[in-house]
Amino acid sequence: QVQLVESGGGLVQPGGSLRLSCAASGSIFSISTMGWYRQAPGKEREFVAFITRGGSRNYAYFVKGRFTISSENAKNTIDLEMNNLRPEDTAVYYCNLRDSRRYSYWGQGTQVTVSS
């Protein structure tokens, strides 16, 4: 079994910054990508960003230039640096891991609230 544990959520004012972290552990097969999704109240879960094992990054258009995803392969961890946060970024952020067999795993989520 694979476990993903997120940390770093919280309350921040518009224009502020937060850093989310995700650590993967357990019976991890060959990792293909790790990334972040989010779900706002009343909305479907949506893609935010992912990073491949080789370091290639992909971002949703609405976070490009504001969010940066990074990884430490040896520790099976990823971070999401979020800058210039907006109220519409308020959501539960979920860590995702996909292995080379295309199995997908999810963390429990961490709340990010952007409000003055």
N, C-alpha and C. Protein backbone atom coordinates (compact mmCIF):
# COMPACT_ATOMS: atom_id res chain seq x y z
N GLN A 1 0.84 -1.19 0.00
CA GLN A 1 0.00 0.00 0.00
C GLN A 1 0.88 1.25 0.00
N VAL A 2 0.39 2.29 -0.64
CA VAL A 2 1.11 3.56 -0.73
C VAL A 2 0.39 4.60 0.11
N GLN A 3 1.14 5.34 0.90
CA GLN A 3 0.57 6.42 1.69
C GLN A 3 1.16 7.76 1.24
N LEU A 4 0.28 8.73 1.11
CA LEU A 4 0.68 10.09 0.77
C LEU A 4 0.22 11.01 1.89
N VAL A 5 1.13 11.79 2.44
CA VAL A 5 0.80 12.69 3.54
C VAL A 5 1.14 14.11 3.14
N GLU A 6 0.10 14.97 3.12
CA GLU A 6 0.29 16.37 2.78
C GLU A 6 0.44 17.21 4.04
N SER A 7 1.12 18.32 3.90
CA SER A 7 1.24 19.29 4.99
C SER A 7 1.45 20.68 4.41
N GLY A 8 1.23 21.69 5.24
CA GLY A 8 1.54 23.05 4.84
C GLY A 8 0.36 23.93 4.50
N GLY A 9 -0.86 23.40 4.55
CA GLY A 9 -2.01 24.24 4.27
C GLY A 9 -2.27 25.24 5.38
N GLY A 10 -3.22 26.13 5.15
CA GLY A 10 -3.56 27.10 6.17
C GLY A 10 -4.32 28.28 5.61
N LEU A 11 -4.39 29.33 6.42
CA LEU A 11 -5.08 30.55 6.05
C LEU A 11 -4.05 31.61 5.69
N VAL A 12 -4.27 32.27 4.56
CA VAL A 12 -3.35 33.31 4.11
C VAL A 12 -4.15 34.42 3.46
N GLN A 13 -3.62 35.63 3.53
CA GLN A 13 -4.30 36.77 2.90
C GLN A 13 -4.03 36.79 1.41
N PRO A 14 -4.92 37.40 0.64
CA PRO A 14 -4.67 37.54 -0.80
C PRO A 14 -3.32 38.19 -1.06
N GLY A 15 -2.60 37.64 -2.03
CA GLY A 15 -1.26 38.10 -2.33
C GLY A 15 -0.18 37.40 -1.54
N GLY A 16 -0.57 36.60 -0.57
CA GLY A 16 0.40 35.90 0.27
C GLY A 16 0.90 34.62 -0.36
N SER A 17 1.70 33.89 0.41
CA SER A 17 2.34 32.67 -0.07
C SER A 17 2.16 31.53 0.92
N LEU A 18 2.15 30.33 0.38
CA LEU A 18 2.15 29.10 1.18
C LEU A 18 2.97 28.06 0.45
N ARG A 19 3.50 27.12 1.22
CA ARG A 19 4.25 26.01 0.64
C ARG A 19 3.62 24.71 1.13
N LEU A 20 3.18 23.89 0.19
CA LEU A 20 2.63 22.57 0.50
C LEU A 20 3.71 21.51 0.27
N SER A 21 3.66 20.48 1.10
CA SER A 21 4.58 19.37 0.95
C SER A 21 3.80 18.06 0.94
N CYS A 22 4.35 17.07 0.25
CA CYS A 22 3.74 15.75 0.20
C CYS A 22 4.85 14.71 0.26
N ALA A 23 4.68 13.75 1.16
CA ALA A 23 5.64 12.67 1.30
C ALA A 23 4.97 11.35 1.00
N ALA A 24 5.58 10.56 0.13
CA ALA A 24 5.06 9.24 -0.23
C ALA A 24 5.86 8.16 0.49
N SER A 25 5.15 7.14 0.95
CA SER A 25 5.81 6.02 1.62
C SER A 25 5.03 4.75 1.35
N GLY A 26 5.62 3.63 1.74
CA GLY A 26 4.95 2.35 1.56
C GLY A 26 5.52 1.57 0.40
N SER A 27 4.69 0.72 -0.19
CA SER A 27 5.12 -0.16 -1.28
C SER A 27 5.00 0.59 -2.61
N ILE A 28 5.98 1.47 -2.83
CA ILE A 28 5.94 2.32 -4.01
C ILE A 28 6.59 1.62 -5.19
N PHE A 29 5.82 1.46 -6.25
CA PHE A 29 6.36 0.93 -7.48
C PHE A 29 7.05 2.08 -8.20
N SER A 30 7.51 1.87 -9.36
CA SER A 30 8.22 2.91 -10.11
C SER A 30 7.33 4.13 -10.33
N ILE A 31 7.72 5.27 -9.76
CA ILE A 31 6.92 6.49 -9.86
C ILE A 31 7.04 7.08 -11.25
N SER A 32 5.88 7.43 -11.82
CA SER A 32 5.86 8.11 -13.10
C SER A 32 5.76 9.62 -12.88
N THR A 33 4.74 10.02 -12.12
CA THR A 33 4.56 11.44 -11.80
C THR A 33 4.06 11.59 -10.37
N MET A 34 4.33 12.74 -9.79
CA MET A 34 3.69 13.18 -8.55
C MET A 34 3.16 14.58 -8.81
N GLY A 35 2.04 14.88 -8.19
CA GLY A 35 1.46 16.18 -8.47
C GLY A 35 0.40 16.60 -7.49
N TRP A 36 -0.28 17.69 -7.85
CA TRP A 36 -1.29 18.29 -6.99
C TRP A 36 -2.58 18.53 -7.77
N TYR A 37 -3.67 18.25 -7.09
CA TYR A 37 -5.00 18.60 -7.58
C TYR A 37 -5.68 19.39 -6.47
N ARG A 38 -6.78 20.03 -6.80
CA ARG A 38 -7.52 20.76 -5.77
C ARG A 38 -9.01 20.65 -6.03
N GLN A 39 -9.76 20.83 -4.94
CA GLN A 39 -11.22 20.79 -5.04
C GLN A 39 -11.81 21.87 -4.16
N ALA A 40 -12.49 22.79 -4.80
CA ALA A 40 -13.18 23.87 -4.08
C ALA A 40 -14.60 23.41 -3.76
N PRO A 41 -15.22 24.03 -2.75
CA PRO A 41 -16.59 23.64 -2.39
C PRO A 41 -17.54 23.74 -3.58
N GLY A 42 -18.28 22.67 -3.82
CA GLY A 42 -19.26 22.67 -4.89
C GLY A 42 -18.69 22.48 -6.28
N LYS A 43 -17.37 22.25 -6.36
CA LYS A 43 -16.74 22.08 -7.67
C LYS A 43 -16.06 20.72 -7.76
N GLU A 44 -15.75 20.32 -8.98
CA GLU A 44 -15.04 19.07 -9.19
C GLU A 44 -13.55 19.25 -8.92
N ARG A 45 -12.91 18.14 -8.63
CA ARG A 45 -11.46 18.16 -8.43
C ARG A 45 -10.79 18.53 -9.75
N GLU A 46 -9.77 19.40 -9.67
CA GLU A 46 -9.10 19.84 -10.89
C GLU A 46 -7.59 19.74 -10.74
N PHE A 47 -6.95 19.56 -11.86
CA PHE A 47 -5.50 19.45 -11.93
C PHE A 47 -4.85 20.79 -11.62
N VAL A 48 -3.75 20.77 -10.87
CA VAL A 48 -2.98 21.97 -10.57
C VAL A 48 -1.59 21.90 -11.19
N ALA A 49 -0.84 20.85 -10.87
CA ALA A 49 0.52 20.73 -11.39
C ALA A 49 1.02 19.31 -11.18
N PHE A 50 1.95 18.88 -12.04
CA PHE A 50 2.65 17.62 -11.77
C PHE A 50 4.10 17.75 -12.20
N ILE A 51 4.90 16.83 -11.68
CA ILE A 51 6.31 16.75 -12.04
C ILE A 51 6.65 15.29 -12.30
N THR A 52 7.40 15.04 -13.36
CA THR A 52 7.81 13.67 -13.67
C THR A 52 9.06 13.31 -12.90
N ARG A 53 9.37 12.04 -12.90
CA ARG A 53 10.58 11.58 -12.23
C ARG A 53 11.82 12.23 -12.83
N GLY A 54 11.73 12.55 -14.10
CA GLY A 54 12.86 13.18 -14.78
C GLY A 54 12.92 14.68 -14.58
N GLY A 55 11.91 15.25 -13.90
CA GLY A 55 11.95 16.68 -13.59
C GLY A 55 11.13 17.57 -14.51
N SER A 56 10.42 16.99 -15.47
CA SER A 56 9.56 17.82 -16.33
C SER A 56 8.33 18.24 -15.54
N ARG A 57 7.91 19.49 -15.76
CA ARG A 57 6.79 20.06 -15.01
C ARG A 57 5.64 20.44 -15.94
N ASN A 58 4.45 20.36 -15.41
CA ASN A 58 3.28 20.80 -16.15
C ASN A 58 2.34 21.50 -15.17
N TYR A 59 1.79 22.63 -15.59
CA TYR A 59 0.94 23.44 -14.72
C TYR A 59 -0.40 23.73 -15.38
N ALA A 60 -1.44 23.85 -14.57
CA ALA A 60 -2.71 24.38 -15.06
C ALA A 60 -2.51 25.84 -15.40
N TYR A 61 -3.26 26.32 -16.39
CA TYR A 61 -3.04 27.69 -16.87
C TYR A 61 -3.26 28.72 -15.77
N PHE A 62 -4.16 28.41 -14.82
CA PHE A 62 -4.53 29.41 -13.83
C PHE A 62 -3.52 29.53 -12.69
N VAL A 63 -2.47 28.69 -12.69
CA VAL A 63 -1.44 28.83 -11.66
C VAL A 63 -0.07 29.12 -12.26
N LYS A 64 0.03 29.09 -13.58
CA LYS A 64 1.32 29.35 -14.23
C LYS A 64 1.84 30.72 -13.83
N GLY A 65 3.12 30.74 -13.48
CA GLY A 65 3.75 31.98 -13.07
C GLY A 65 3.57 32.30 -11.60
N ARG A 66 2.69 31.59 -10.92
CA ARG A 66 2.46 31.83 -9.49
C ARG A 66 2.87 30.63 -8.63
N PHE A 67 2.67 29.43 -9.14
CA PHE A 67 2.97 28.21 -8.39
C PHE A 67 4.19 27.52 -9.00
N THR A 68 5.00 26.90 -8.15
CA THR A 68 6.16 26.14 -8.60
C THR A 68 6.18 24.79 -7.90
N ILE A 69 6.26 23.73 -8.70
CA ILE A 69 6.34 22.38 -8.14
C ILE A 69 7.78 21.90 -8.19
N SER A 70 8.21 21.22 -7.14
CA SER A 70 9.56 20.69 -7.09
C SER A 70 9.52 19.32 -6.42
N SER A 71 10.60 18.57 -6.60
CA SER A 71 10.62 17.22 -6.04
C SER A 71 12.00 16.87 -5.51
N GLU A 72 12.02 15.92 -4.62
CA GLU A 72 13.26 15.32 -4.13
C GLU A 72 13.09 13.82 -4.29
N ASN A 73 13.59 13.30 -5.38
CA ASN A 73 13.32 11.91 -5.75
C ASN A 73 13.79 10.91 -4.70
N ALA A 74 14.92 11.17 -4.12
CA ALA A 74 15.49 10.23 -3.16
C ALA A 74 14.58 10.05 -1.94
N LYS A 75 13.79 11.09 -1.64
CA LYS A 75 12.91 11.04 -0.47
C LYS A 75 11.46 10.81 -0.87
N ASN A 76 11.18 10.73 -2.16
CA ASN A 76 9.80 10.58 -2.65
C ASN A 76 8.90 11.69 -2.10
N THR A 77 9.39 12.91 -2.19
CA THR A 77 8.62 14.06 -1.72
C THR A 77 8.48 15.09 -2.84
N ILE A 78 7.39 15.84 -2.76
CA ILE A 78 7.22 16.99 -3.64
C ILE A 78 6.75 18.18 -2.82
N ASP A 79 7.03 19.35 -3.34
CA ASP A 79 6.56 20.60 -2.74
C ASP A 79 5.81 21.41 -3.78
N LEU A 80 4.92 22.25 -3.30
CA LEU A 80 4.25 23.21 -4.17
C LEU A 80 4.37 24.58 -3.53
N GLU A 81 5.17 25.42 -4.12
CA GLU A 81 5.33 26.80 -3.66
C GLU A 81 4.26 27.63 -4.34
N MET A 82 3.40 28.26 -3.53
CA MET A 82 2.28 29.02 -4.06
C MET A 82 2.45 30.49 -3.68
N ASN A 83 2.58 31.34 -4.69
CA ASN A 83 2.76 32.78 -4.47
C ASN A 83 1.59 33.54 -5.07
N ASN A 84 1.47 34.78 -4.63
CA ASN A 84 0.42 35.66 -5.13
C ASN A 84 -0.95 34.96 -5.10
N LEU A 85 -1.26 34.39 -3.96
CA LEU A 85 -2.49 33.62 -3.82
C LEU A 85 -3.73 34.50 -3.94
N ARG A 86 -4.76 33.93 -4.52
CA ARG A 86 -6.02 34.64 -4.76
C ARG A 86 -7.14 33.92 -4.01
N PRO A 87 -8.22 34.61 -3.72
CA PRO A 87 -9.35 33.94 -3.05
C PRO A 87 -9.83 32.71 -3.82
N GLU A 88 -9.76 32.74 -5.13
CA GLU A 88 -10.21 31.59 -5.94
C GLU A 88 -9.28 30.39 -5.85
N ASP A 89 -8.14 30.55 -5.20
CA ASP A 89 -7.26 29.41 -4.95
C ASP A 89 -7.70 28.62 -3.72
N THR A 90 -8.69 29.12 -3.01
CA THR A 90 -9.19 28.42 -1.83
C THR A 90 -9.76 27.06 -2.22
N ALA A 91 -9.24 26.02 -1.59
CA ALA A 91 -9.65 24.65 -1.92
C ALA A 91 -8.94 23.69 -1.00
N VAL A 92 -9.36 22.43 -1.07
CA VAL A 92 -8.58 21.35 -0.47
C VAL A 92 -7.61 20.87 -1.54
N TYR A 93 -6.35 20.84 -1.21
CA TYR A 93 -5.31 20.44 -2.14
C TYR A 93 -4.90 18.99 -1.86
N TYR A 94 -4.91 18.18 -2.91
CA TYR A 94 -4.63 16.75 -2.79
C TYR A 94 -3.33 16.40 -3.53
N CYS A 95 -2.52 15.62 -2.87
CA CYS A 95 -1.32 15.08 -3.51
C CYS A 95 -1.69 13.82 -4.28
N ASN A 96 -1.07 13.64 -5.43
CA ASN A 96 -1.33 12.48 -6.28
C ASN A 96 -0.02 11.83 -6.71
N LEU A 97 0.00 10.53 -6.72
CA LEU A 97 1.15 9.77 -7.23
C LEU A 97 0.64 8.79 -8.27
N ARG A 98 1.31 8.74 -9.44
CA ARG A 98 0.98 7.76 -10.46
C ARG A 98 2.24 6.94 -10.74
N ASP A 99 2.08 5.62 -10.72
CA ASP A 99 3.27 4.81 -11.00
C ASP A 99 3.26 4.35 -12.45
N SER A 100 4.29 3.61 -12.82
CA SER A 100 4.46 3.23 -14.22
C SER A 100 3.41 2.21 -14.67
N ARG A 101 2.68 1.62 -13.72
CA ARG A 101 1.57 0.72 -14.07
C ARG A 101 0.27 1.50 -14.24
N ARG A 102 0.37 2.82 -14.07
CA ARG A 102 -0.77 3.74 -14.16
C ARG A 102 -1.71 3.62 -12.97
N TYR A 103 -1.24 3.06 -11.87
CA TYR A 103 -2.00 3.09 -10.63
C TYR A 103 -1.90 4.51 -10.07
N SER A 104 -2.99 5.00 -9.49
CA SER A 104 -3.04 6.36 -8.97
C SER A 104 -3.37 6.33 -7.49
N TYR A 105 -2.66 7.11 -6.72
CA TYR A 105 -2.87 7.16 -5.27
C TYR A 105 -3.10 8.61 -4.86
N TRP A 106 -3.87 8.78 -3.77
CA TRP A 106 -4.23 10.12 -3.32
C TRP A 106 -3.96 10.29 -1.83
N GLY A 107 -3.59 11.50 -1.47
CA GLY A 107 -3.49 11.85 -0.07
C GLY A 107 -4.85 12.25 0.47
N GLN A 108 -4.89 12.59 1.75
CA GLN A 108 -6.13 12.96 2.41
C GLN A 108 -6.53 14.41 2.14
N GLY A 109 -5.58 15.21 1.70
CA GLY A 109 -5.88 16.60 1.38
C GLY A 109 -5.49 17.55 2.49
N THR A 110 -5.18 18.78 2.11
CA THR A 110 -4.86 19.83 3.07
C THR A 110 -5.59 21.11 2.62
N GLN A 111 -6.21 21.78 3.59
CA GLN A 111 -7.02 22.95 3.28
C GLN A 111 -6.16 24.18 3.09
N VAL A 112 -6.43 24.89 2.00
CA VAL A 112 -5.82 26.19 1.75
C VAL A 112 -6.96 27.21 1.66
N THR A 113 -6.90 28.24 2.49
CA THR A 113 -7.91 29.28 2.49
C THR A 113 -7.25 30.62 2.27
N VAL A 114 -7.69 31.33 1.24
CA VAL A 114 -7.15 32.65 0.93
C VAL A 114 -8.25 33.67 1.19
N SER A 115 -8.05 34.46 2.23
CA SER A 115 -9.10 35.39 2.64
C SER A 115 -8.50 36.51 3.46
N SER A 116 -9.09 37.68 3.34
CA SER A 116 -8.65 38.81 4.17
C SER A 116 -9.49 38.89 5.45
